[in-house]
Amino acid sequence: MTIGDRVKALRLKKGLTQEELAEKLGYKSKSSVAHIENGRDIPRSMIVQLSEILDTTPAYLMGWEDSEGSLFNKYDNIHPIQLKKIPLLGEIACGEPIWADEDKEHYVMADMDIDADFCLTAKGDSMVNARINNGDIVFIKQMPLVQNGEIAAVIIDNEATLKRVYYYPDKNKLVLNPENPAYEPLIYINEELDTVRILGKAVYFMSAL
């Protein structure tokens, strides 16, 4: 069975029409549900939404478990993914600082094990040696301070950047290091530190295959 087949079978089991399921999904037309049932690719966020409406699990809709038992019980190197919503707050520079647009209307579906408060889309190539590339989603745990050597999202004069942080309180000095030799470190001392604010620690990133 395909995802569409499973959606259709569960919809019929619950006695829902395509129009009723479309309404629960927030669509105005049943054609959206028809496309799903006919095999159109479905975003991960919709998989979660459909599983909640149809009283099932994302794993079942994806075909990872069936009536004969879960794939996770059959193979010790296959693991289930439990998803949660994490707010996406726009872009963060991997290079020169850029404005981070706080758009809390958008979310990224991420594994439940990721302990993060929000995420940002990386832009640029200054963190490539830390395996963070342009377009990657970087998950941030909100905190005002991080340990030296940790990667953090940092606001500088209301603009955001992603860098490895080194703070020297005895010198009243902050160094933000890129992970690309093509870029120079950003250095702030004394009263310049008033223009800098750490948003939080980068705890995870997600790249497209």
N, C-alpha and C. Protein backbone atom coordinates (compact mmCIF):
# COMPACT_ATOMS: atom_id res chain seq x y z
N MET A 1 0.84 -1.21 0.00
CA MET A 1 0.00 0.00 0.00
C MET A 1 0.87 1.25 0.00
N THR A 2 0.43 2.26 -0.72
CA THR A 2 1.11 3.55 -0.71
C THR A 2 0.58 4.41 0.42
N ILE A 3 1.21 5.56 0.65
CA ILE A 3 0.70 6.51 1.65
C ILE A 3 -0.73 6.90 1.29
N GLY A 4 -0.96 7.17 -0.01
CA GLY A 4 -2.31 7.54 -0.45
C GLY A 4 -3.33 6.46 -0.16
N ASP A 5 -2.94 5.20 -0.38
CA ASP A 5 -3.85 4.08 -0.09
C ASP A 5 -4.20 4.03 1.39
N ARG A 6 -3.21 4.26 2.24
CA ARG A 6 -3.45 4.21 3.68
C ARG A 6 -4.36 5.36 4.12
N VAL A 7 -4.09 6.55 3.56
CA VAL A 7 -4.93 7.70 3.89
C VAL A 7 -6.38 7.42 3.49
N LYS A 8 -6.58 6.91 2.29
CA LYS A 8 -7.94 6.64 1.81
C LYS A 8 -8.63 5.59 2.68
N ALA A 9 -7.90 4.51 3.01
CA ALA A 9 -8.51 3.45 3.82
C ALA A 9 -8.90 3.97 5.20
N LEU A 10 -8.05 4.75 5.82
CA LEU A 10 -8.35 5.29 7.14
C LEU A 10 -9.47 6.33 7.08
N ARG A 11 -9.49 7.12 6.00
CA ARG A 11 -10.57 8.11 5.84
C ARG A 11 -11.91 7.41 5.75
N LEU A 12 -11.97 6.34 4.93
CA LEU A 12 -13.22 5.61 4.79
C LEU A 12 -13.61 4.90 6.09
N LYS A 13 -12.61 4.40 6.81
CA LYS A 13 -12.88 3.73 8.08
C LYS A 13 -13.51 4.68 9.09
N LYS A 14 -13.10 5.96 9.04
CA LYS A 14 -13.65 6.97 9.94
C LYS A 14 -14.94 7.58 9.40
N GLY A 15 -15.34 7.19 8.20
CA GLY A 15 -16.57 7.70 7.62
C GLY A 15 -16.48 9.13 7.13
N LEU A 16 -15.28 9.55 6.75
CA LEU A 16 -15.09 10.91 6.27
C LEU A 16 -15.13 10.96 4.75
N THR A 17 -15.74 12.00 4.21
CA THR A 17 -15.66 12.24 2.77
C THR A 17 -14.36 12.98 2.48
N GLN A 18 -14.01 13.06 1.21
CA GLN A 18 -12.82 13.84 0.84
C GLN A 18 -13.00 15.30 1.21
N GLU A 19 -14.23 15.82 1.06
CA GLU A 19 -14.49 17.21 1.43
C GLU A 19 -14.28 17.44 2.92
N GLU A 20 -14.74 16.49 3.75
CA GLU A 20 -14.61 16.64 5.20
C GLU A 20 -13.14 16.57 5.63
N LEU A 21 -12.37 15.65 5.02
CA LEU A 21 -10.95 15.56 5.37
C LEU A 21 -10.21 16.81 4.90
N ALA A 22 -10.58 17.31 3.72
CA ALA A 22 -9.94 18.53 3.22
C ALA A 22 -10.20 19.69 4.18
N GLU A 23 -11.41 19.78 4.70
CA GLU A 23 -11.75 20.86 5.63
C GLU A 23 -10.92 20.76 6.91
N LYS A 24 -10.75 19.54 7.42
CA LYS A 24 -9.96 19.35 8.64
C LYS A 24 -8.48 19.70 8.41
N LEU A 25 -8.04 19.54 7.17
CA LEU A 25 -6.65 19.87 6.82
C LEU A 25 -6.47 21.35 6.51
N GLY A 26 -7.60 22.07 6.41
CA GLY A 26 -7.53 23.50 6.13
C GLY A 26 -7.60 23.85 4.66
N TYR A 27 -8.01 22.87 3.84
CA TYR A 27 -8.15 23.12 2.40
C TYR A 27 -9.60 23.42 2.05
N LYS A 28 -9.79 24.17 0.97
CA LYS A 28 -11.14 24.55 0.55
C LYS A 28 -11.76 23.55 -0.41
N SER A 29 -10.92 22.71 -1.02
CA SER A 29 -11.42 21.80 -2.04
C SER A 29 -11.00 20.37 -1.74
N LYS A 30 -11.88 19.41 -2.13
CA LYS A 30 -11.55 18.00 -1.94
C LYS A 30 -10.44 17.55 -2.88
N SER A 31 -10.11 18.36 -3.89
CA SER A 31 -9.09 17.96 -4.86
C SER A 31 -7.73 17.74 -4.19
N SER A 32 -7.46 18.49 -3.12
CA SER A 32 -6.19 18.32 -2.41
C SER A 32 -6.09 16.93 -1.81
N VAL A 33 -7.20 16.45 -1.22
CA VAL A 33 -7.21 15.10 -0.66
C VAL A 33 -7.13 14.07 -1.78
N ALA A 34 -7.81 14.34 -2.89
CA ALA A 34 -7.74 13.41 -4.03
C ALA A 34 -6.31 13.27 -4.53
N HIS A 35 -5.57 14.39 -4.58
CA HIS A 35 -4.18 14.33 -5.01
C HIS A 35 -3.35 13.49 -4.06
N ILE A 36 -3.60 13.65 -2.74
CA ILE A 36 -2.88 12.85 -1.74
C ILE A 36 -3.15 11.37 -1.95
N GLU A 37 -4.41 11.03 -2.11
CA GLU A 37 -4.80 9.63 -2.25
C GLU A 37 -4.34 9.03 -3.58
N ASN A 38 -4.04 9.90 -4.54
CA ASN A 38 -3.56 9.43 -5.84
C ASN A 38 -2.04 9.37 -5.90
N GLY A 39 -1.38 9.63 -4.75
CA GLY A 39 0.05 9.41 -4.70
C GLY A 39 0.94 10.63 -4.76
N ARG A 40 0.37 11.85 -4.62
CA ARG A 40 1.21 13.03 -4.62
C ARG A 40 2.13 13.03 -3.40
N ASP A 41 3.36 13.55 -3.55
CA ASP A 41 4.27 13.65 -2.41
C ASP A 41 3.65 14.52 -1.32
N ILE A 42 3.83 14.10 -0.06
CA ILE A 42 3.22 14.80 1.07
C ILE A 42 4.32 15.34 1.98
N PRO A 43 4.27 16.63 2.34
CA PRO A 43 5.26 17.17 3.28
C PRO A 43 5.18 16.47 4.63
N ARG A 44 6.31 16.45 5.35
CA ARG A 44 6.33 15.79 6.67
C ARG A 44 5.33 16.41 7.63
N SER A 45 5.16 17.74 7.55
CA SER A 45 4.21 18.40 8.44
C SER A 45 2.79 17.88 8.21
N MET A 46 2.45 17.59 6.95
CA MET A 46 1.11 17.07 6.66
C MET A 46 0.97 15.63 7.10
N ILE A 47 2.06 14.85 7.06
CA ILE A 47 2.01 13.47 7.55
C ILE A 47 1.59 13.46 9.01
N VAL A 48 2.18 14.35 9.80
CA VAL A 48 1.82 14.44 11.22
C VAL A 48 0.37 14.85 11.38
N GLN A 49 -0.06 15.87 10.61
CA GLN A 49 -1.43 16.36 10.70
C GLN A 49 -2.42 15.28 10.30
N LEU A 50 -2.13 14.56 9.24
CA LEU A 50 -3.01 13.48 8.80
C LEU A 50 -3.10 12.36 9.83
N SER A 51 -1.95 12.02 10.44
CA SER A 51 -1.96 10.95 11.43
C SER A 51 -2.83 11.31 12.63
N GLU A 52 -2.82 12.59 13.02
CA GLU A 52 -3.65 13.03 14.14
C GLU A 52 -5.13 12.97 13.79
N ILE A 53 -5.47 13.42 12.58
CA ILE A 53 -6.88 13.43 12.16
C ILE A 53 -7.40 12.01 11.99
N LEU A 54 -6.57 11.12 11.46
CA LEU A 54 -7.01 9.76 11.14
C LEU A 54 -6.72 8.76 12.26
N ASP A 55 -6.30 9.27 13.42
CA ASP A 55 -6.07 8.42 14.60
C ASP A 55 -5.08 7.29 14.31
N THR A 56 -3.95 7.66 13.74
CA THR A 56 -2.91 6.66 13.46
C THR A 56 -1.56 7.28 13.81
N THR A 57 -0.49 6.73 13.30
CA THR A 57 0.85 7.26 13.55
C THR A 57 1.51 7.65 12.23
N PRO A 58 2.44 8.62 12.27
CA PRO A 58 3.20 8.92 11.05
C PRO A 58 3.91 7.68 10.50
N ALA A 59 4.40 6.82 11.40
CA ALA A 59 5.10 5.62 10.97
C ALA A 59 4.20 4.71 10.13
N TYR A 60 2.93 4.59 10.54
CA TYR A 60 2.01 3.75 9.76
C TYR A 60 1.76 4.34 8.38
N LEU A 61 1.50 5.66 8.34
CA LEU A 61 1.24 6.29 7.04
C LEU A 61 2.44 6.17 6.10
N MET A 62 3.65 6.23 6.67
CA MET A 62 4.85 6.13 5.86
C MET A 62 5.17 4.68 5.46
N GLY A 63 4.43 3.74 6.03
CA GLY A 63 4.66 2.34 5.69
C GLY A 63 5.75 1.67 6.51
N TRP A 64 6.11 2.31 7.61
CA TRP A 64 7.17 1.76 8.46
C TRP A 64 6.65 0.73 9.46
N GLU A 65 5.34 0.68 9.64
CA GLU A 65 4.76 -0.34 10.51
C GLU A 65 3.46 -0.80 9.89
N ASP A 66 3.07 -2.03 10.15
CA ASP A 66 1.84 -2.58 9.57
C ASP A 66 1.18 -3.51 10.57
N SER A 67 0.12 -4.16 10.13
CA SER A 67 -0.65 -5.02 11.03
C SER A 67 0.15 -6.24 11.48
N GLU A 68 1.22 -6.57 10.76
CA GLU A 68 2.02 -7.74 11.13
C GLU A 68 3.13 -7.39 12.11
N GLY A 69 3.22 -6.11 12.45
CA GLY A 69 4.26 -5.71 13.39
C GLY A 69 5.13 -4.63 12.81
N SER A 70 5.83 -3.95 13.65
CA SER A 70 6.62 -2.81 13.24
C SER A 70 7.95 -3.22 12.62
N LEU A 71 8.36 -2.47 11.60
CA LEU A 71 9.70 -2.67 11.04
C LEU A 71 10.77 -2.47 12.09
N PHE A 72 10.45 -1.60 13.08
CA PHE A 72 11.44 -1.29 14.10
C PHE A 72 11.71 -2.48 15.00
N ASN A 73 10.77 -3.42 15.06
CA ASN A 73 10.98 -4.63 15.84
C ASN A 73 11.73 -5.70 15.04
N LYS A 74 11.72 -5.53 13.71
CA LYS A 74 12.35 -6.53 12.85
C LYS A 74 13.81 -6.23 12.57
N TYR A 75 14.16 -4.92 12.56
CA TYR A 75 15.51 -4.52 12.17
C TYR A 75 16.09 -3.60 13.23
N ASP A 76 17.23 -3.96 13.80
CA ASP A 76 17.76 -3.19 14.92
C ASP A 76 18.43 -1.88 14.51
N ASN A 77 18.61 -1.65 13.21
CA ASN A 77 19.21 -0.39 12.76
C ASN A 77 18.19 0.55 12.11
N ILE A 78 16.91 0.26 12.28
CA ILE A 78 15.84 1.16 11.82
C ILE A 78 15.13 1.69 13.05
N HIS A 79 15.00 3.00 13.14
CA HIS A 79 14.44 3.61 14.35
C HIS A 79 13.29 4.55 13.98
N PRO A 80 12.26 4.61 14.81
CA PRO A 80 11.13 5.50 14.53
C PRO A 80 11.51 6.96 14.72
N ILE A 81 10.82 7.84 14.01
CA ILE A 81 11.00 9.28 14.16
C ILE A 81 9.72 9.86 14.74
N GLN A 82 9.83 10.46 15.90
CA GLN A 82 8.72 11.19 16.49
C GLN A 82 8.98 12.68 16.27
N LEU A 83 7.99 13.37 15.71
CA LEU A 83 8.21 14.74 15.29
C LEU A 83 7.51 15.76 16.19
N LYS A 84 8.09 16.96 16.24
CA LYS A 84 7.46 18.08 16.93
C LYS A 84 7.73 19.35 16.13
N LYS A 85 6.93 20.38 16.38
CA LYS A 85 7.10 21.66 15.69
C LYS A 85 8.11 22.52 16.43
N ILE A 86 9.06 23.12 15.67
CA ILE A 86 10.00 24.08 16.23
C ILE A 86 9.90 25.35 15.38
N PRO A 87 9.70 26.52 16.01
CA PRO A 87 9.54 27.76 15.24
C PRO A 87 10.76 28.06 14.36
N LEU A 88 10.48 28.51 13.13
CA LEU A 88 11.54 28.91 12.21
C LEU A 88 11.57 30.43 12.17
N LEU A 89 12.70 31.02 12.59
CA LEU A 89 12.79 32.48 12.73
C LEU A 89 13.57 33.15 11.62
N GLY A 90 13.48 32.65 10.41
CA GLY A 90 14.11 33.32 9.28
C GLY A 90 15.52 32.84 9.02
N GLU A 91 16.38 33.73 8.50
CA GLU A 91 17.72 33.35 8.08
C GLU A 91 18.77 33.85 9.05
N ILE A 92 19.90 33.15 9.09
CA ILE A 92 21.04 33.61 9.87
C ILE A 92 22.29 33.49 8.99
N ALA A 93 23.17 34.47 9.07
CA ALA A 93 24.30 34.52 8.16
C ALA A 93 25.39 33.56 8.55
N CYS A 94 25.95 32.89 7.55
CA CYS A 94 27.20 32.18 7.69
C CYS A 94 28.19 32.95 6.81
N GLY A 95 28.60 34.09 7.30
CA GLY A 95 29.41 35.05 6.56
C GLY A 95 29.26 36.37 7.27
N GLU A 96 28.89 37.42 6.57
CA GLU A 96 28.62 38.70 7.20
C GLU A 96 27.26 38.66 7.89
N PRO A 97 27.09 39.39 8.99
CA PRO A 97 25.79 39.39 9.67
C PRO A 97 24.67 39.87 8.76
N ILE A 98 23.50 39.26 8.89
CA ILE A 98 22.31 39.70 8.16
C ILE A 98 21.15 39.77 9.14
N TRP A 99 20.10 40.43 8.71
CA TRP A 99 18.91 40.54 9.55
C TRP A 99 18.25 39.18 9.70
N ALA A 100 17.88 38.82 10.92
CA ALA A 100 17.16 37.57 11.17
C ALA A 100 15.69 37.91 11.35
N ASP A 101 14.90 37.58 10.37
CA ASP A 101 13.47 37.91 10.38
C ASP A 101 12.74 36.97 11.32
N GLU A 102 12.13 37.53 12.38
CA GLU A 102 11.45 36.68 13.37
C GLU A 102 10.05 36.35 12.89
N ASP A 103 9.97 35.37 12.02
CA ASP A 103 8.70 34.93 11.46
C ASP A 103 8.24 33.69 12.22
N LYS A 104 7.41 33.88 13.22
CA LYS A 104 7.00 32.77 14.07
C LYS A 104 5.78 32.03 13.51
N GLU A 105 5.36 32.39 12.29
CA GLU A 105 4.24 31.70 11.67
C GLU A 105 4.70 30.43 10.96
N HIS A 106 6.01 30.24 10.81
CA HIS A 106 6.54 29.07 10.13
C HIS A 106 7.23 28.15 11.12
N TYR A 107 7.10 26.85 10.84
CA TYR A 107 7.66 25.85 11.73
C TYR A 107 8.41 24.80 10.91
N VAL A 108 9.35 24.14 11.57
CA VAL A 108 10.04 22.99 11.00
C VAL A 108 9.68 21.77 11.84
N MET A 109 9.34 20.67 11.17
CA MET A 109 9.07 19.44 11.89
C MET A 109 10.41 18.74 12.16
N ALA A 110 10.68 18.50 13.42
CA ALA A 110 11.97 17.92 13.80
C ALA A 110 11.77 16.78 14.79
N ASP A 111 12.81 16.00 14.96
CA ASP A 111 12.77 14.86 15.87
C ASP A 111 12.51 15.34 17.30
N MET A 112 11.73 14.58 18.03
CA MET A 112 11.39 14.92 19.41
C MET A 112 12.62 15.02 20.30
N ASP A 113 13.70 14.34 19.93
CA ASP A 113 14.91 14.33 20.76
C ASP A 113 15.71 15.62 20.66
N ILE A 114 15.40 16.48 19.69
CA ILE A 114 16.15 17.73 19.54
C ILE A 114 15.67 18.74 20.58
N ASP A 115 16.56 19.08 21.50
CA ASP A 115 16.23 20.02 22.57
C ASP A 115 16.56 21.44 22.10
N ALA A 116 15.64 22.05 21.37
CA ALA A 116 15.86 23.38 20.81
C ALA A 116 14.61 24.23 20.98
N ASP A 117 14.80 25.54 21.02
CA ASP A 117 13.69 26.47 21.18
C ASP A 117 13.23 27.06 19.86
N PHE A 118 14.15 27.16 18.91
CA PHE A 118 13.80 27.67 17.59
C PHE A 118 14.89 27.25 16.61
N CYS A 119 14.66 27.51 15.34
CA CYS A 119 15.67 27.19 14.33
C CYS A 119 15.76 28.32 13.32
N LEU A 120 16.86 28.32 12.60
CA LEU A 120 17.15 29.35 11.61
C LEU A 120 17.70 28.69 10.35
N THR A 121 17.49 29.35 9.22
CA THR A 121 18.07 28.86 7.97
C THR A 121 19.44 29.51 7.76
N ALA A 122 20.46 28.68 7.61
CA ALA A 122 21.81 29.20 7.40
C ALA A 122 21.94 29.76 5.98
N LYS A 123 22.65 30.88 5.88
CA LYS A 123 22.88 31.49 4.57
C LYS A 123 24.35 31.85 4.47
N GLY A 124 25.02 31.33 3.44
CA GLY A 124 26.43 31.62 3.27
C GLY A 124 27.29 30.39 3.52
N ASP A 125 28.62 30.60 3.48
CA ASP A 125 29.55 29.47 3.54
C ASP A 125 30.63 29.59 4.61
N SER A 126 30.45 30.51 5.56
CA SER A 126 31.53 30.72 6.53
C SER A 126 31.62 29.62 7.58
N MET A 127 30.63 28.71 7.63
CA MET A 127 30.66 27.64 8.64
C MET A 127 30.79 26.26 8.01
N VAL A 128 31.31 26.21 6.79
CA VAL A 128 31.33 24.94 6.06
C VAL A 128 32.24 23.89 6.73
N ASN A 129 33.30 24.34 7.39
CA ASN A 129 34.19 23.37 8.05
C ASN A 129 33.56 22.77 9.31
N ALA A 130 32.45 23.35 9.75
CA ALA A 130 31.65 22.75 10.82
C ALA A 130 30.48 21.96 10.23
N ARG A 131 30.54 21.74 8.90
CA ARG A 131 29.54 20.98 8.14
C ARG A 131 28.19 21.69 8.08
N ILE A 132 28.18 23.00 8.31
CA ILE A 132 26.94 23.78 8.19
C ILE A 132 27.02 24.53 6.87
N ASN A 133 26.13 24.17 5.95
CA ASN A 133 26.17 24.72 4.61
C ASN A 133 24.99 25.64 4.34
N ASN A 134 25.09 26.39 3.27
CA ASN A 134 24.02 27.29 2.86
C ASN A 134 22.70 26.51 2.71
N GLY A 135 21.65 27.00 3.37
CA GLY A 135 20.35 26.36 3.28
C GLY A 135 20.06 25.36 4.38
N ASP A 136 21.07 25.01 5.17
CA ASP A 136 20.83 24.08 6.28
C ASP A 136 19.94 24.74 7.34
N ILE A 137 19.17 23.90 8.03
CA ILE A 137 18.37 24.37 9.17
C ILE A 137 19.19 24.14 10.43
N VAL A 138 19.43 25.22 11.19
CA VAL A 138 20.23 25.14 12.41
C VAL A 138 19.31 25.33 13.61
N PHE A 139 19.35 24.39 14.53
CA PHE A 139 18.47 24.42 15.71
C PHE A 139 19.21 25.06 16.88
N ILE A 140 18.53 25.99 17.55
CA ILE A 140 19.16 26.79 18.60
C ILE A 140 18.47 26.56 19.94
N LYS A 141 19.28 26.28 20.97
CA LYS A 141 18.80 26.24 22.35
C LYS A 141 19.04 27.61 22.96
N GLN A 142 17.98 28.30 23.32
CA GLN A 142 18.11 29.68 23.77
C GLN A 142 18.86 29.76 25.10
N MET A 143 19.91 30.62 25.13
CA MET A 143 20.69 30.85 26.35
C MET A 143 21.54 32.10 26.14
N PRO A 144 21.78 32.87 27.21
CA PRO A 144 22.52 34.13 27.05
C PRO A 144 24.02 33.96 26.95
N LEU A 145 24.55 32.80 27.36
CA LEU A 145 25.99 32.54 27.33
C LEU A 145 26.23 31.12 26.84
N VAL A 146 27.37 30.92 26.17
CA VAL A 146 27.77 29.58 25.75
C VAL A 146 29.22 29.37 26.16
N GLN A 147 29.66 28.13 26.14
CA GLN A 147 31.05 27.81 26.47
C GLN A 147 31.96 28.20 25.31
N ASN A 148 33.18 28.57 25.62
CA ASN A 148 34.15 28.88 24.57
C ASN A 148 34.30 27.69 23.62
N GLY A 149 34.26 28.01 22.33
CA GLY A 149 34.40 26.97 21.31
C GLY A 149 33.08 26.45 20.80
N GLU A 150 31.97 26.80 21.45
CA GLU A 150 30.67 26.36 20.99
C GLU A 150 30.15 27.29 19.89
N ILE A 151 29.33 26.74 19.01
CA ILE A 151 28.73 27.54 17.94
C ILE A 151 27.43 28.14 18.44
N ALA A 152 27.24 29.42 18.17
CA ALA A 152 26.06 30.11 18.67
C ALA A 152 25.48 31.04 17.61
N ALA A 153 24.19 31.32 17.78
CA ALA A 153 23.53 32.37 17.02
C ALA A 153 23.72 33.66 17.80
N VAL A 154 24.26 34.69 17.14
CA VAL A 154 24.62 35.93 17.82
C VAL A 154 23.99 37.11 17.09
N ILE A 155 23.40 38.03 17.86
CA ILE A 155 22.85 39.26 17.30
C ILE A 155 23.87 40.37 17.46
N ILE A 156 24.19 41.05 16.36
CA ILE A 156 25.12 42.18 16.36
C ILE A 156 24.41 43.38 15.75
N ASP A 157 24.14 44.41 16.57
CA ASP A 157 23.42 45.59 16.07
C ASP A 157 22.14 45.18 15.33
N ASN A 158 21.36 44.31 15.95
CA ASN A 158 20.08 43.85 15.40
C ASN A 158 20.22 43.02 14.14
N GLU A 159 21.40 42.50 13.88
CA GLU A 159 21.62 41.58 12.78
C GLU A 159 22.16 40.27 13.35
N ALA A 160 21.93 39.18 12.64
CA ALA A 160 22.26 37.87 13.19
C ALA A 160 23.37 37.19 12.40
N THR A 161 24.17 36.42 13.11
CA THR A 161 25.20 35.61 12.47
C THR A 161 25.40 34.34 13.27
N LEU A 162 26.00 33.35 12.64
CA LEU A 162 26.27 32.07 13.28
C LEU A 162 27.78 31.88 13.30
N LYS A 163 28.37 31.80 14.49
CA LYS A 163 29.83 31.70 14.60
C LYS A 163 30.22 30.87 15.83
N ARG A 164 31.48 30.46 15.86
CA ARG A 164 32.03 29.81 17.04
C ARG A 164 32.51 30.91 18.01
N VAL A 165 32.08 30.81 19.27
CA VAL A 165 32.24 31.91 20.22
C VAL A 165 33.41 31.67 21.17
N TYR A 166 34.20 32.75 21.38
CA TYR A 166 35.26 32.74 22.39
C TYR A 166 35.18 34.06 23.17
N TYR A 167 34.92 33.96 24.46
CA TYR A 167 34.79 35.16 25.30
C TYR A 167 35.89 35.16 26.36
N TYR A 168 36.58 36.32 26.49
CA TYR A 168 37.67 36.47 27.44
C TYR A 168 37.31 37.61 28.40
N PRO A 169 36.67 37.29 29.53
CA PRO A 169 36.19 38.34 30.43
C PRO A 169 37.30 39.20 31.02
N ASP A 170 38.50 38.62 31.23
CA ASP A 170 39.60 39.40 31.80
C ASP A 170 40.09 40.47 30.82
N LYS A 171 39.86 40.25 29.54
CA LYS A 171 40.24 41.24 28.52
C LYS A 171 39.03 42.01 27.99
N ASN A 172 37.83 41.63 28.51
CA ASN A 172 36.59 42.24 28.01
C ASN A 172 36.53 42.14 26.49
N LYS A 173 36.73 40.92 26.02
CA LYS A 173 36.89 40.69 24.58
C LYS A 173 36.07 39.49 24.12
N LEU A 174 35.42 39.64 22.97
CA LEU A 174 34.63 38.56 22.37
C LEU A 174 35.13 38.33 20.96
N VAL A 175 35.42 37.07 20.63
CA VAL A 175 35.86 36.70 19.29
C VAL A 175 34.83 35.74 18.70
N LEU A 176 34.33 36.07 17.52
CA LEU A 176 33.40 35.21 16.80
C LEU A 176 34.13 34.64 15.60
N ASN A 177 34.44 33.35 15.68
CA ASN A 177 35.26 32.71 14.65
C ASN A 177 34.40 32.02 13.59
N PRO A 178 34.69 32.25 12.31
CA PRO A 178 34.06 31.46 11.26
C PRO A 178 34.71 30.09 11.18
N GLU A 179 34.12 29.20 10.41
CA GLU A 179 34.72 27.89 10.15
C GLU A 179 35.03 27.80 8.66
N ASN A 180 35.71 28.83 8.17
CA ASN A 180 36.13 28.90 6.78
C ASN A 180 37.29 29.89 6.72
N PRO A 181 38.47 29.46 6.31
CA PRO A 181 39.63 30.36 6.33
C PRO A 181 39.49 31.57 5.42
N ALA A 182 38.47 31.59 4.57
CA ALA A 182 38.26 32.74 3.69
C ALA A 182 37.68 33.94 4.44
N TYR A 183 37.23 33.71 5.67
CA TYR A 183 36.62 34.77 6.46
C TYR A 183 37.47 35.09 7.68
N GLU A 184 37.51 36.38 8.03
CA GLU A 184 38.23 36.83 9.20
C GLU A 184 37.34 36.73 10.45
N PRO A 185 37.92 36.50 11.63
CA PRO A 185 37.14 36.53 12.87
C PRO A 185 36.54 37.92 13.10
N LEU A 186 35.42 37.96 13.78
CA LEU A 186 34.83 39.22 14.21
C LEU A 186 35.23 39.43 15.67
N ILE A 187 35.82 40.57 15.98
CA ILE A 187 36.36 40.82 17.32
C ILE A 187 35.69 42.06 17.91
N TYR A 188 35.24 41.91 19.17
CA TYR A 188 34.57 43.01 19.87
C TYR A 188 35.19 43.16 21.25
N ILE A 189 35.49 44.41 21.62
CA ILE A 189 36.11 44.67 22.92
C ILE A 189 35.40 45.83 23.61
N ASN A 190 35.49 45.83 24.95
CA ASN A 190 35.01 46.94 25.79
C ASN A 190 33.58 47.32 25.45
N GLU A 191 33.33 48.61 25.15
CA GLU A 191 31.95 49.06 24.92
C GLU A 191 31.32 48.46 23.67
N GLU A 192 32.13 47.92 22.77
CA GLU A 192 31.58 47.26 21.57
C GLU A 192 30.75 46.03 21.95
N LEU A 193 31.05 45.45 23.10
CA LEU A 193 30.29 44.27 23.54
C LEU A 193 28.83 44.59 23.78
N ASP A 194 28.50 45.87 24.00
CA ASP A 194 27.11 46.26 24.22
C ASP A 194 26.26 46.07 22.98
N THR A 195 26.90 45.95 21.82
CA THR A 195 26.16 45.78 20.56
C THR A 195 25.94 44.31 20.21
N VAL A 196 26.45 43.41 21.08
CA VAL A 196 26.41 41.98 20.79
C VAL A 196 25.53 41.26 21.80
N ARG A 197 24.70 40.34 21.30
CA ARG A 197 23.86 39.54 22.21
C ARG A 197 23.79 38.11 21.69
N ILE A 198 24.09 37.17 22.56
CA ILE A 198 24.00 35.75 22.18
C ILE A 198 22.55 35.29 22.30
N LEU A 199 22.02 34.75 21.20
CA LEU A 199 20.66 34.21 21.21
C LEU A 199 20.63 32.81 21.82
N GLY A 200 21.62 32.01 21.48
CA GLY A 200 21.62 30.66 22.00
C GLY A 200 22.63 29.77 21.30
N LYS A 201 22.75 28.57 21.79
CA LYS A 201 23.73 27.59 21.31
C LYS A 201 23.14 26.76 20.17
N ALA A 202 23.93 26.58 19.13
CA ALA A 202 23.54 25.68 18.04
C ALA A 202 23.70 24.24 18.52
N VAL A 203 22.61 23.49 18.52
CA VAL A 203 22.64 22.14 19.08
C VAL A 203 22.47 21.05 18.03
N TYR A 204 22.02 21.45 16.83
CA TYR A 204 21.73 20.43 15.81
C TYR A 204 21.55 21.15 14.49
N PHE A 205 21.85 20.47 13.41
CA PHE A 205 21.53 21.06 12.11
C PHE A 205 20.97 19.97 11.20
N MET A 206 20.21 20.39 10.21
CA MET A 206 19.55 19.45 9.32
C MET A 206 19.83 19.87 7.88
N SER A 207 20.38 18.95 7.10
CA SER A 207 20.70 19.20 5.70
C SER A 207 19.83 18.36 4.80
N ALA A 208 19.57 18.88 3.61
CA ALA A 208 18.87 18.10 2.61
C ALA A 208 19.85 17.12 1.97
N LEU A 209 19.37 15.95 1.60
CA LEU A 209 20.23 14.97 0.92
C LEU A 209 20.44 15.39 -0.52
